[in-house]
Amino acid sequence: MMPNALYIEEKVITNGYEADFFGIVRSLADGDSNPLAEQLFGVAKIEDVERYKWPDANEFNYVYMEEEFESHQDFFIGGYQSAPLFHTYYKLVGFEQSLMLFAADKKLAKTIL
């Protein structure tokens, strides 16, 4: 039997929308995890990628995690997410563009990744 599992991620909720640590915005209304908009959609130059406000690990708020862990002693708590680099990449630029960049502009794709 699989144990209960708990996924903890820092989220910001504003006006009925949630954004993850990378600024990827999702609607809370439909329960869908797909982004509402890709922040780097249509990116064409490395300079555009460098201007994006990338998250800083020093800004992540770990304080609430201890309480979550203590209140979920019967849960399995792990640090796994399948393909996190690719998922974040395609949610920032759009799925189709993420694949096109691999083929057409590997340097730009690598910069984003």
Foldseek 3Di string as FASTA:
>chain_A
DAFAADDDFDWDDDPQWIAGQQRFIDGPVPVDPQGPDAQCAPPDDLVSLVPRPGGDPVPDDCVCVVVVCVVPVRHDYDDDDPPVLVVNLCSNHPVVVLVVCVVPPVPSNVSND
